[in-house]
Amino acid sequence: MQQRMATRSAALVAFVLLCFGYVPAAGAGEATEQVRQTVEQIRSVFKDRDLNKPEKKKQRNARLRTIVEGRFDFEEMSKRSLGLHWSKRTPEEQREFVSLYKDLLEDVYLRKLEQHESKIKEHVEDKVVYLDERTEGSYALVRTAVVTKGGKEVRLDYRLLRKNEKWEVYDVYIEGVSLVNNYRKQFSQIIRSGSYEDLLKRLRAKSFKEPEEKP
């Protein structure tokens, strides 16, 4: 049980911070470099003592939202998370879904930060090792490992899509568990047992299992 909790704690840090340290992979490519740039931007926010004062948390969270939105492709994540149901929606419904899904993911991100800030501080010296990068056309996989001070290793892999010279994350795997697959299973079950409108209600209420949990 303790080992499981340690893994979840490290995975939480990986998901929320995208990790602090940086150990480059040999021959790291463009996708890896762009992920690293986002890591460093997030790292700079958490190193800013003034920005992390209690009265500045709203400002800090707004900055984190901006950084995450600049690297994550929420439309692609939405398509993959809604699966076969995406094509059944009108363009207006698709735009609404992307907006609600983005709000859900950002809410999870920031809520975890608020709930587990003390644990995050315990892991600020952890290192992320960039293991390798695999690219095929406009798609890339950047494989990393978070290494804690206690020697525990947690795998964190990013799947990215290239758009206009920029690599954007459309899925994250924490210890082999896909964030997109996690939500797709939940979304599909809600639609099958109820309706698409039921899914929208749940999205507005942000009532879902979180990414590190098995659905």
C-alpha atoms as a PDB file:
ATOM      1  CA  MET A   1       0.000   0.000   0.000  1.00  0.00           C
ATOM      2  CA  GLN A   2       2.832   2.412   0.861  1.00  0.00           C
ATOM      3  CA  GLN A   3       4.529   1.673  -2.452  1.00  0.00           C
ATOM      4  CA  ARG A   4       1.261   2.330  -4.301  1.00  0.00           C
ATOM      5  CA  MET A   5       0.809   5.633  -2.493  1.00  0.00           C
ATOM      6  CA  ALA A   6       4.400   6.619  -3.313  1.00  0.00           C
ATOM      7  CA  THR A   7       3.781   5.877  -6.972  1.00  0.00           C
ATOM      8  CA  ARG A   8       0.569   7.915  -6.991  1.00  0.00           C
ATOM      9  CA  SER A   9       2.335  10.786  -5.228  1.00  0.00           C
ATOM     10  CA  ALA A  10       5.136  10.875  -7.778  1.00  0.00           C
ATOM     11  CA  ALA A  11       2.669  10.502 -10.642  1.00  0.00           C
ATOM     12  CA  LEU A  12       0.681  13.393  -9.225  1.00  0.00           C
ATOM     13  CA  VAL A  13       3.762  15.587  -9.264  1.00  0.00           C
ATOM     14  CA  ALA A  14       4.496  14.504 -12.815  1.00  0.00           C
ATOM     15  CA  PHE A  15       0.967  15.319 -13.980  1.00  0.00           C
ATOM     16  CA  VAL A  16       0.668  18.656 -12.204  1.00  0.00           C
ATOM     17  CA  LEU A  17       4.168  20.026 -12.650  1.00  0.00           C
ATOM     18  CA  LEU A  18       5.368  18.083 -15.699  1.00  0.00           C
ATOM     19  CA  CYS A  19       8.374  17.658 -13.384  1.00  0.00           C
ATOM     20  CA  PHE A  20      11.226  19.897 -12.304  1.00  0.00           C
ATOM     21  CA  GLY A  21      14.640  18.462 -13.140  1.00  0.00           C
ATOM     22  CA  TYR A  22      15.906  17.784 -16.634  1.00  0.00           C
ATOM     23  CA  VAL A  23      18.206  15.020 -17.829  1.00  0.00           C
ATOM     24  CA  PRO A  24      18.328  15.081 -21.655  1.00  0.00           C
ATOM     25  CA  ALA A  25      18.139  12.029 -23.858  1.00  0.00           C
ATOM     26  CA  ALA A  26      20.897  11.406 -26.357  1.00  0.00           C
ATOM     27  CA  GLY A  27      19.887  12.954 -29.656  1.00  0.00           C
ATOM     28  CA  ALA A  28      16.719  14.509 -28.222  1.00  0.00           C
ATOM     29  CA  GLY A  29      14.525  15.847 -31.028  1.00  0.00           C
ATOM     30  CA  GLU A  30      12.295  18.838 -31.583  1.00  0.00           C
ATOM     31  CA  ALA A  31       9.263  17.363 -29.789  1.00  0.00           C
ATOM     32  CA  THR A  32      11.358  16.623 -26.682  1.00  0.00           C
ATOM     33  CA  GLU A  33      12.820  20.106 -26.733  1.00  0.00           C
ATOM     34  CA  GLN A  34       9.390  21.708 -26.904  1.00  0.00           C
ATOM     35  CA  VAL A  35       8.153  19.569 -23.987  1.00  0.00           C
ATOM     36  CA  ARG A  36      11.264  20.640 -22.067  1.00  0.00           C
ATOM     37  CA  GLN A  37      10.501  24.300 -22.760  1.00  0.00           C
ATOM     38  CA  THR A  38       7.054  23.867 -21.211  1.00  0.00           C
ATOM     39  CA  VAL A  39       8.631  22.102 -18.229  1.00  0.00           C
ATOM     40  CA  GLU A  40      10.956  25.042 -17.709  1.00  0.00           C
ATOM     41  CA  GLN A  41       8.122  27.560 -17.974  1.00  0.00           C
ATOM     42  CA  ILE A  42       6.173  25.718 -15.283  1.00  0.00           C
ATOM     43  CA  ARG A  43       9.300  25.351 -13.204  1.00  0.00           C
ATOM     44  CA  SER A  44       9.880  29.112 -13.314  1.00  0.00           C
ATOM     45  CA  VAL A  45       6.368  29.711 -11.961  1.00  0.00           C
ATOM     46  CA  PHE A  46       6.967  27.461  -8.958  1.00  0.00           C
ATOM     47  CA  LYS A  47      10.393  28.976  -8.314  1.00  0.00           C
ATOM     48  CA  ASP A  48       8.864  32.453  -8.150  1.00  0.00           C
ATOM     49  CA  ARG A  49       8.444  32.980  -4.400  1.00  0.00           C
ATOM     50  CA  ASP A  50       6.385  36.120  -4.832  1.00  0.00           C
ATOM     51  CA  LEU A  51       3.978  34.405  -7.226  1.00  0.00           C
ATOM     52  CA  ASN A  52       3.494  31.543  -4.754  1.00  0.00           C
ATOM     53  CA  LYS A  53       2.352  33.742  -1.886  1.00  0.00           C
ATOM     54  CA  PRO A  54      -1.216  32.921  -0.739  1.00  0.00           C
ATOM     55  CA  GLU A  55      -2.543  36.228  -2.024  1.00  0.00           C
ATOM     56  CA  LYS A  56      -1.016  35.571  -5.469  1.00  0.00           C
ATOM     57  CA  LYS A  57      -2.437  32.083  -6.073  1.00  0.00           C
ATOM     58  CA  LYS A  58      -5.054  33.280  -8.543  1.00  0.00           C
ATOM     59  CA  GLN A  59      -2.360  35.013 -10.544  1.00  0.00           C
ATOM     60  CA  ARG A  60      -0.135  31.931 -10.379  1.00  0.00           C
ATOM     61  CA  ASN A  61      -2.952  29.632 -11.470  1.00  0.00           C
ATOM     62  CA  ALA A  62      -3.803  31.926 -14.378  1.00  0.00           C
ATOM     63  CA  ARG A  63      -0.168  31.746 -15.486  1.00  0.00           C
ATOM     64  CA  LEU A  64      -0.192  27.945 -15.270  1.00  0.00           C
ATOM     65  CA  ARG A  65      -3.385  27.796 -17.339  1.00  0.00           C
ATOM     66  CA  THR A  66      -1.750  29.901 -20.037  1.00  0.00           C
ATOM     67  CA  ILE A  67       1.317  27.643 -20.165  1.00  0.00           C
ATOM     68  CA  VAL A  68      -0.727  24.442 -20.321  1.00  0.00           C
ATOM     69  CA  GLU A  69      -3.072  25.830 -22.976  1.00  0.00           C
ATOM     70  CA  GLY A  70      -0.031  26.725 -25.048  1.00  0.00           C
ATOM     71  CA  ARG A  71       1.224  23.126 -25.152  1.00  0.00           C
ATOM     72  CA  PHE A  72      -1.902  20.945 -25.033  1.00  0.00           C
ATOM     73  CA  ASP A  73      -4.168  20.361 -28.038  1.00  0.00           C
ATOM     74  CA  PHE A  74      -7.569  20.276 -26.365  1.00  0.00           C
ATOM     75  CA  GLU A  75      -9.465  19.840 -29.625  1.00  0.00           C
ATOM     76  CA  GLU A  76      -7.495  16.701 -30.502  1.00  0.00           C
ATOM     77  CA  MET A  77      -7.903  15.417 -26.944  1.00  0.00           C
ATOM     78  CA  SER A  78     -11.635  16.048 -27.226  1.00  0.00           C
ATOM     79  CA  LYS A  79     -11.941  14.128 -30.503  1.00  0.00           C
ATOM     80  CA  ARG A  80     -10.100  11.137 -29.101  1.00  0.00           C
ATOM     81  CA  SER A  81     -11.876  11.215 -25.748  1.00  0.00           C
ATOM     82  CA  LEU A  82     -15.339  11.387 -27.317  1.00  0.00           C
ATOM     83  CA  GLY A  83     -14.368   8.726 -29.880  1.00  0.00           C
ATOM     84  CA  LEU A  84     -17.087   7.613 -32.309  1.00  0.00           C
ATOM     85  CA  HIS A  85     -19.519  10.096 -30.796  1.00  0.00           C
ATOM     86  CA  TRP A  86     -17.460  13.099 -32.010  1.00  0.00           C
ATOM     87  CA  SER A  87     -18.598  12.856 -35.654  1.00  0.00           C
ATOM     88  CA  LYS A  88     -22.233  12.731 -34.540  1.00  0.00           C
ATOM     89  CA  ARG A  89     -22.030  16.207 -33.068  1.00  0.00           C
ATOM     90  CA  THR A  90     -22.598  19.456 -34.950  1.00  0.00           C
ATOM     91  CA  PRO A  91     -19.701  21.946 -35.236  1.00  0.00           C
ATOM     92  CA  GLU A  92     -21.340  24.066 -32.542  1.00  0.00           C
ATOM     93  CA  GLU A  93     -21.698  21.056 -30.238  1.00  0.00           C
ATOM     94  CA  GLN A  94     -18.088  20.111 -30.876  1.00  0.00           C
ATOM     95  CA  ARG A  95     -16.911  23.588 -29.892  1.00  0.00           C
ATOM     96  CA  GLU A  96     -19.016  23.420 -26.731  1.00  0.00           C
ATOM     97  CA  PHE A  97     -17.588  20.006 -25.865  1.00  0.00           C
ATOM     98  CA  VAL A  98     -13.989  21.184 -26.343  1.00  0.00           C
ATOM     99  CA  SER A  99     -14.631  24.138 -24.036  1.00  0.00           C
ATOM    100  CA  LEU A 100     -16.240  22.003 -21.316  1.00  0.00           C
ATOM    101  CA  TYR A 101     -13.583  19.286 -21.551  1.00  0.00           C
ATOM    102  CA  LYS A 102     -10.771  21.852 -21.354  1.00  0.00           C
ATOM    103  CA  ASP A 103     -12.393  23.359 -18.258  1.00  0.00           C
ATOM    104  CA  LEU A 104     -12.623  19.891 -16.704  1.00  0.00           C
ATOM    105  CA  LEU A 105      -8.945  19.076 -17.309  1.00  0.00           C
ATOM    106  CA  GLU A 106      -7.756  22.464 -16.081  1.00  0.00           C
ATOM    107  CA  ASP A 107      -9.974  22.139 -13.012  1.00  0.00           C
ATOM    108  CA  VAL A 108      -8.422  18.737 -12.245  1.00  0.00           C
ATOM    109  CA  TYR A 109      -4.937  20.207 -12.776  1.00  0.00           C
ATOM    110  CA  LEU A 110      -5.466  23.167 -10.446  1.00  0.00           C
ATOM    111  CA  ARG A 111      -7.520  21.247  -7.878  1.00  0.00           C
ATOM    112  CA  LYS A 112      -4.711  18.710  -7.530  1.00  0.00           C
ATOM    113  CA  LEU A 113      -2.291  21.565  -7.057  1.00  0.00           C
ATOM    114  CA  GLU A 114      -4.369  23.041  -4.244  1.00  0.00           C
ATOM    115  CA  GLN A 115      -5.081  19.697  -2.538  1.00  0.00           C
ATOM    116  CA  HIS A 116      -1.565  18.276  -2.707  1.00  0.00           C
ATOM    117  CA  GLU A 117       0.693  21.313  -2.575  1.00  0.00           C
ATOM    118  CA  SER A 118       2.620  19.963   0.419  1.00  0.00           C
ATOM    119  CA  LYS A 119       3.356  16.699  -1.430  1.00  0.00           C
ATOM    120  CA  ILE A 120       4.466  18.628  -4.477  1.00  0.00           C
ATOM    121  CA  LYS A 121       6.944  20.595  -2.382  1.00  0.00           C
ATOM    122  CA  GLU A 122       8.404  17.299  -1.161  1.00  0.00           C
ATOM    123  CA  HIS A 123       9.177  16.351  -4.769  1.00  0.00           C
ATOM    124  CA  VAL A 124      10.509  19.597  -6.205  1.00  0.00           C
ATOM    125  CA  GLU A 125      14.007  18.137  -6.429  1.00  0.00           C
ATOM    126  CA  ASP A 126      12.899  15.035  -8.313  1.00  0.00           C
ATOM    127  CA  LYS A 127      14.398  14.557 -11.746  1.00  0.00           C
ATOM    128  CA  VAL A 128      12.711  13.767 -15.027  1.00  0.00           C
ATOM    129  CA  VAL A 129      14.820  11.760 -17.431  1.00  0.00           C
ATOM    130  CA  TYR A 130      13.966  12.118 -21.116  1.00  0.00           C
ATOM    131  CA  LEU A 131      14.432   8.550 -22.291  1.00  0.00           C
ATOM    132  CA  ASP A 132      13.789   8.837 -26.006  1.00  0.00           C
ATOM    133  CA  GLU A 133      11.682  10.312 -28.756  1.00  0.00           C
ATOM    134  CA  ARG A 134       9.915   8.422 -31.518  1.00  0.00           C
ATOM    135  CA  THR A 135       8.562  10.367 -34.477  1.00  0.00           C
ATOM    136  CA  GLU A 136       6.422   9.149 -37.349  1.00  0.00           C
ATOM    137  CA  GLY A 137       5.208  11.844 -39.709  1.00  0.00           C
ATOM    138  CA  SER A 138       3.281  14.442 -37.743  1.00  0.00           C
ATOM    139  CA  TYR A 139       3.072  12.270 -34.607  1.00  0.00           C
ATOM    140  CA  ALA A 140       5.613  11.864 -31.817  1.00  0.00           C
ATOM    141  CA  LEU A 141       6.036   9.971 -28.560  1.00  0.00           C
ATOM    142  CA  VAL A 142       8.279  11.462 -25.882  1.00  0.00           C
ATOM    143  CA  ARG A 143       9.095   8.915 -23.172  1.00  0.00           C
ATOM    144  CA  THR A 144      10.212  10.130 -19.763  1.00  0.00           C
ATOM    145  CA  ALA A 145      10.799   8.766 -16.272  1.00  0.00           C
ATOM    146  CA  VAL A 146      10.406  10.660 -13.018  1.00  0.00           C
ATOM    147  CA  VAL A 147      13.067   9.637 -10.515  1.00  0.00           C
ATOM    148  CA  THR A 148      12.333  10.547  -6.883  1.00  0.00           C
ATOM    149  CA  LYS A 149      14.947  11.238  -4.228  1.00  0.00           C
ATOM    150  CA  GLY A 150      14.150   7.795  -2.819  1.00  0.00           C
ATOM    151  CA  GLY A 151      15.011   6.158  -6.127  1.00  0.00           C
ATOM    152  CA  LYS A 152      11.436   5.391  -7.164  1.00  0.00           C
ATOM    153  CA  GLU A 153      10.906   5.614 -10.928  1.00  0.00           C
ATOM    154  CA  VAL A 154       7.573   6.582 -12.459  1.00  0.00           C
ATOM    155  CA  ARG A 155       6.979   6.481 -16.217  1.00  0.00           C
ATOM    156  CA  LEU A 156       5.357   9.482 -17.860  1.00  0.00           C
ATOM    157  CA  ASP A 157       4.950   9.504 -21.644  1.00  0.00           C
ATOM    158  CA  TYR A 158       3.611  12.256 -23.898  1.00  0.00           C
ATOM    159  CA  ARG A 159       1.927  11.755 -27.272  1.00  0.00           C
ATOM    160  CA  LEU A 160       2.135  14.809 -29.496  1.00  0.00           C
ATOM    161  CA  LEU A 161       0.802  16.055 -32.827  1.00  0.00           C
ATOM    162  CA  ARG A 162       2.694  18.543 -34.974  1.00  0.00           C
ATOM    163  CA  LYS A 163       0.700  21.593 -36.063  1.00  0.00           C
ATOM    164  CA  ASN A 164       2.313  24.565 -37.828  1.00  0.00           C
ATOM    165  CA  GLU A 165       5.863  23.887 -36.595  1.00  0.00           C
ATOM    166  CA  LYS A 166       4.602  23.262 -33.060  1.00  0.00           C
ATOM    167  CA  TRP A 167       4.319  19.964 -31.186  1.00  0.00           C
ATOM    168  CA  GLU A 168       1.147  19.805 -29.079  1.00  0.00           C
ATOM    169  CA  VAL A 169       0.327  17.176 -26.435  1.00  0.00           C
ATOM    170  CA  TYR A 170      -2.883  15.244 -27.059  1.00  0.00           C
ATOM    171  CA  ASP A 171      -2.447  12.454 -24.491  1.00  0.00           C
ATOM    172  CA  VAL A 172      -0.411  11.686 -21.378  1.00  0.00           C
ATOM    173  CA  TYR A 173       0.353   8.198 -20.073  1.00  0.00           C
ATOM    174  CA  ILE A 174       1.085   7.934 -16.350  1.00  0.00           C
ATOM    175  CA  GLU A 175       2.520   4.496 -15.532  1.00  0.00           C
ATOM    176  CA  GLY A 176       0.938   3.196 -18.727  1.00  0.00           C
ATOM    177  CA  VAL A 177      -2.521   4.655 -17.991  1.00  0.00           C
ATOM    178  CA  SER A 178      -3.775   6.969 -20.742  1.00  0.00           C
ATOM    179  CA  LEU A 179      -5.558  10.143 -19.684  1.00  0.00           C
ATOM    180  CA  VAL A 180      -7.594  10.121 -22.921  1.00  0.00           C
ATOM    181  CA  ASN A 181      -8.558   6.446 -22.623  1.00  0.00           C
ATOM    182  CA  ASN A 182      -9.573   7.013 -19.019  1.00  0.00           C
ATOM    183  CA  TYR A 183     -12.082   9.672 -19.991  1.00  0.00           C
ATOM    184  CA  ARG A 184     -13.212   7.978 -23.222  1.00  0.00           C
ATOM    185  CA  LYS A 185     -14.366   4.940 -21.257  1.00  0.00           C
ATOM    186  CA  GLN A 186     -16.277   7.131 -18.827  1.00  0.00           C
ATOM    187  CA  PHE A 187     -17.792   9.300 -21.558  1.00  0.00           C
ATOM    188  CA  SER A 188     -18.886   6.281 -23.610  1.00  0.00           C
ATOM    189  CA  GLN A 189     -20.472   4.602 -20.606  1.00  0.00           C
ATOM    190  CA  ILE A 190     -22.447   7.726 -19.721  1.00  0.00           C
ATOM    191  CA  ILE A 191     -23.749   8.128 -23.289  1.00  0.00           C
ATOM    192  CA  ARG A 192     -24.644   4.425 -23.613  1.00  0.00           C
ATOM    193  CA  SER A 193     -26.493   4.301 -20.307  1.00  0.00           C
ATOM    194  CA  GLY A 194     -28.100   7.714 -20.738  1.00  0.00           C
ATOM    195  CA  SER A 195     -27.548  10.352 -23.404  1.00  0.00           C
ATOM    196  CA  TYR A 196     -25.098  12.920 -24.718  1.00  0.00           C
ATOM    197  CA  GLU A 197     -26.968  15.548 -22.697  1.00  0.00           C
ATOM    198  CA  ASP A 198     -26.222  13.520 -19.561  1.00  0.00           C
ATOM    199  CA  LEU A 199     -22.517  13.724 -20.451  1.00  0.00           C
ATOM    200  CA  LEU A 200     -22.723  17.494 -20.829  1.00  0.00           C
ATOM    201  CA  LYS A 201     -24.359  17.759 -17.406  1.00  0.00           C
ATOM    202  CA  ARG A 202     -21.528  15.723 -15.886  1.00  0.00           C
ATOM    203  CA  LEU A 203     -18.931  17.870 -17.658  1.00  0.00           C
ATOM    204  CA  ARG A 204     -20.505  21.036 -16.315  1.00  0.00           C
ATOM    205  CA  ALA A 205     -20.511  19.519 -12.819  1.00  0.00           C
ATOM    206  CA  LYS A 206     -16.947  18.181 -13.331  1.00  0.00           C
ATOM    207  CA  SER A 207     -17.992  14.839 -11.862  1.00  0.00           C
ATOM    208  CA  PHE A 208     -15.472  12.260 -13.090  1.00  0.00           C
ATOM    209  CA  LYS A 209     -12.763   9.942 -11.826  1.00  0.00           C
ATOM    210  CA  GLU A 210      -9.381  11.580 -11.940  1.00  0.00           C
ATOM    211  CA  PRO A 211      -6.592  10.592 -14.362  1.00  0.00           C
ATOM    212  CA  GLU A 212      -4.480   8.469 -12.009  1.00  0.00           C
ATOM    213  CA  GLU A 213      -7.531   6.380 -11.056  1.00  0.00           C
ATOM    214  CA  LYS A 214      -8.572   3.342 -13.051  1.00  0.00           C
ATOM    215  CA  PRO A 215     -12.077   3.906 -14.456  1.00  0.00           C
END
